[in-house]
Amino acid sequence: MEGLERVVFNDEKYICEECGGEYEYMSLGEYRCRKCGHTDKDDFGKVRAFIEENGPSSSLVISKGTGVSALKIKQFLRQGRIEIPDGSSSYIKCENCGSTDIRYGRFCSACARELAKEFEGAFKTEYVGEEPKHNNAKMHFLDKLDK
């Protein structure tokens, strides 16, 4: 099960290599076999365990220690699942302005505020459709309304 990123959807099952039983998701990237109790971690669980055991480290050190790619670790940073400690010598770039001073996420606070304002303005009432008032109404075409 090395390096699998397991996401549990509906009836998807992950099988224990030890006994063939079905894994259940516990939390924070950890899974346990329902049959034998064997535990395993997905990529996030491995990164999280490494950081807990070794403290904050660079993505390359974490990658070497866990076998999880540096790209995947960057993805966890972008998702806000892990963060760079305050006072670090390097941070990640804002995807909007390129500022290199964010600890996690995709945007710096200034860009996030600006994007939120733009998003708020995108939903003016003239763009919102009307909900139906009747269940048995006939279909109309805008240029040929029934008279």
Protein backbone atom coordinates (compact mmCIF):
# COMPACT_ATOMS: atom_id res chain seq x y z
CA MET A 1 0.00 0.00 0.00
CA GLU A 2 3.05 2.16 -0.31
CA GLY A 3 2.32 5.74 -1.35
CA LEU A 4 -1.39 5.29 -2.02
CA GLU A 5 -3.55 8.34 -1.54
CA ARG A 6 -6.75 6.70 -0.38
CA VAL A 7 -9.95 8.65 -0.52
CA VAL A 8 -13.00 6.74 0.66
CA PHE A 9 -16.08 7.33 -1.49
CA ASN A 10 -19.35 5.41 -1.17
CA ASP A 11 -18.55 1.73 -1.68
CA GLU A 12 -14.86 1.99 -2.55
CA LYS A 13 -12.90 -0.51 -0.46
CA TYR A 14 -9.24 -0.75 0.43
CA ILE A 15 -7.99 -4.23 1.20
CA CYS A 16 -5.50 -5.07 3.94
CA GLU A 17 -2.33 -6.68 2.63
CA GLU A 18 -1.97 -8.59 5.91
CA CYS A 19 -5.30 -10.48 5.97
CA GLY A 20 -7.45 -9.36 3.02
CA GLY A 21 -9.88 -7.51 5.28
CA GLU A 22 -11.37 -4.11 4.49
CA TYR A 23 -9.73 -0.92 5.76
CA GLU A 24 -11.81 1.76 7.42
CA TYR A 25 -10.77 5.41 7.62
CA MET A 26 -9.94 6.46 11.17
CA SER A 27 -8.78 10.09 10.83
CA LEU A 28 -5.93 12.29 9.68
CA GLY A 29 -4.72 9.92 6.97
CA GLU A 30 -4.82 6.73 9.03
CA TYR A 31 -6.72 3.53 8.19
CA ARG A 32 -7.37 0.38 10.23
CA CYS A 33 -8.29 -3.09 9.01
CA ARG A 34 -11.71 -4.13 10.31
CA LYS A 35 -10.63 -7.76 10.41
CA CYS A 36 -7.12 -7.85 11.92
CA GLY A 37 -6.63 -4.29 13.24
CA HIS A 38 -3.54 -3.60 11.08
CA THR A 39 -3.09 0.15 10.53
CA ASP A 40 -1.73 1.95 7.49
CA LYS A 41 -1.34 5.55 6.42
CA ASP A 42 -1.99 7.36 3.16
CA ASP A 43 0.43 10.04 1.92
CA PHE A 44 -1.03 12.71 4.20
CA GLY A 45 -0.82 10.37 7.19
CA LYS A 46 2.83 9.65 6.44
CA VAL A 47 3.70 13.37 6.17
CA ARG A 48 1.78 14.20 9.32
CA ALA A 49 3.47 11.39 11.30
CA PHE A 50 6.91 12.48 10.04
CA ILE A 51 6.34 16.09 11.12
CA GLU A 52 5.03 14.98 14.53
CA GLU A 53 8.07 12.77 15.10
CA ASN A 54 10.79 15.00 13.60
CA GLY A 55 9.42 18.52 13.85
CA PRO A 56 9.19 21.02 11.00
CA SER A 57 11.41 20.17 8.03
CA SER A 58 11.83 21.17 4.41
CA SER A 59 9.67 19.43 1.83
CA LEU A 60 12.76 17.63 0.48
CA VAL A 61 13.62 16.21 3.90
CA ILE A 62 10.01 15.18 4.47
CA SER A 63 9.90 13.63 1.00
CA LYS A 64 13.06 11.59 1.62
CA GLY A 65 11.81 10.50 5.04
CA THR A 66 8.34 9.43 3.90
CA GLY A 67 8.61 8.52 0.22
CA VAL A 68 5.89 11.09 -0.51
CA SER A 69 6.78 13.33 -3.46
CA ALA A 70 7.70 16.98 -2.85
CA LEU A 71 4.93 17.88 -5.31
CA LYS A 72 2.37 16.08 -3.13
CA ILE A 73 3.71 17.89 -0.05
CA LYS A 74 3.31 21.20 -1.88
CA GLN A 75 -0.27 20.17 -2.68
CA PHE A 76 -0.91 19.63 1.05
CA LEU A 77 0.47 23.14 1.70
CA ARG A 78 -1.80 24.63 -0.98
CA GLN A 79 -4.80 22.82 0.50
CA GLY A 80 -3.97 24.15 3.97
CA ARG A 81 -3.60 20.63 5.38
CA ILE A 82 -0.06 21.43 6.57
CA GLU A 83 1.69 24.76 7.01
CA ILE A 84 5.18 26.19 7.01
CA PRO A 85 6.18 27.32 10.53
CA ASP A 86 6.34 31.03 11.24
CA GLY A 87 9.93 32.29 11.09
CA SER A 88 10.96 29.83 8.37
CA SER A 89 13.59 30.88 5.86
CA SER A 90 11.29 30.20 2.90
CA TYR A 91 7.58 30.22 2.17
CA ILE A 92 5.34 29.46 -0.83
CA LYS A 93 4.25 31.87 -3.56
CA CYS A 94 0.85 33.48 -3.88
CA GLU A 95 -0.75 32.12 -7.06
CA ASN A 96 -2.09 35.58 -7.91
CA CYS A 97 0.63 38.16 -7.25
CA GLY A 98 3.70 35.94 -6.78
CA SER A 99 4.46 37.23 -3.28
CA THR A 100 6.66 34.68 -1.52
CA ASP A 101 5.38 35.15 2.00
CA ILE A 102 2.52 32.73 2.61
CA ARG A 103 2.74 29.77 4.97
CA TYR A 104 -0.09 27.74 3.42
CA GLY A 105 -2.96 28.11 0.96
CA ARG A 106 -3.07 29.53 -2.53
CA PHE A 107 -3.29 33.30 -2.01
CA CYS A 108 -1.76 35.96 0.22
CA SER A 109 -4.23 37.82 2.46
CA ALA A 110 -4.28 40.92 0.21
CA CYS A 111 -5.12 38.87 -2.91
CA ALA A 112 -7.67 36.80 -1.01
CA ARG A 113 -9.48 39.98 0.08
CA GLU A 114 -9.42 41.33 -3.49
CA LEU A 115 -10.67 38.04 -4.96
CA ALA A 116 -13.45 37.88 -2.36
CA LYS A 117 -14.59 41.39 -3.37
CA GLU A 118 -14.63 40.38 -7.04
CA PHE A 119 -16.53 37.21 -6.24
CA GLU A 120 -19.06 39.11 -4.15
CA GLY A 121 -19.70 41.49 -7.07
CA ALA A 122 -20.20 38.59 -9.49
CA PHE A 123 -23.54 37.64 -7.95
CA LYS A 124 -25.68 40.69 -8.56
CA THR A 125 -29.42 40.11 -8.38
CA GLU A 126 -29.89 40.58 -12.13
CA TYR A 127 -27.81 37.42 -12.69
CA VAL A 128 -29.91 35.24 -10.40
CA GLY A 129 -32.75 33.35 -12.08
CA GLU A 130 -36.31 33.17 -10.83
CA GLU A 131 -37.53 30.00 -9.15
CA PRO A 132 -40.74 28.43 -10.51
CA LYS A 133 -44.04 29.32 -8.83
CA HIS A 134 -46.07 26.40 -10.29
CA ASN A 135 -45.37 22.72 -10.71
CA ASN A 136 -47.53 22.31 -13.85
CA ALA A 137 -46.49 25.38 -15.85
CA LYS A 138 -45.88 25.08 -19.61
CA MET A 139 -42.51 25.71 -21.22
CA HIS A 140 -42.19 29.15 -22.85
CA PHE A 141 -39.68 30.56 -25.28
CA LEU A 142 -38.54 34.09 -24.57
CA ASP A 143 -39.30 35.32 -28.09
CA LYS A 144 -42.66 33.50 -28.44
CA LEU A 145 -44.64 33.83 -25.21
CA ASP A 146 -48.13 32.30 -25.14
CA LYS A 147 -50.79 34.97 -25.57
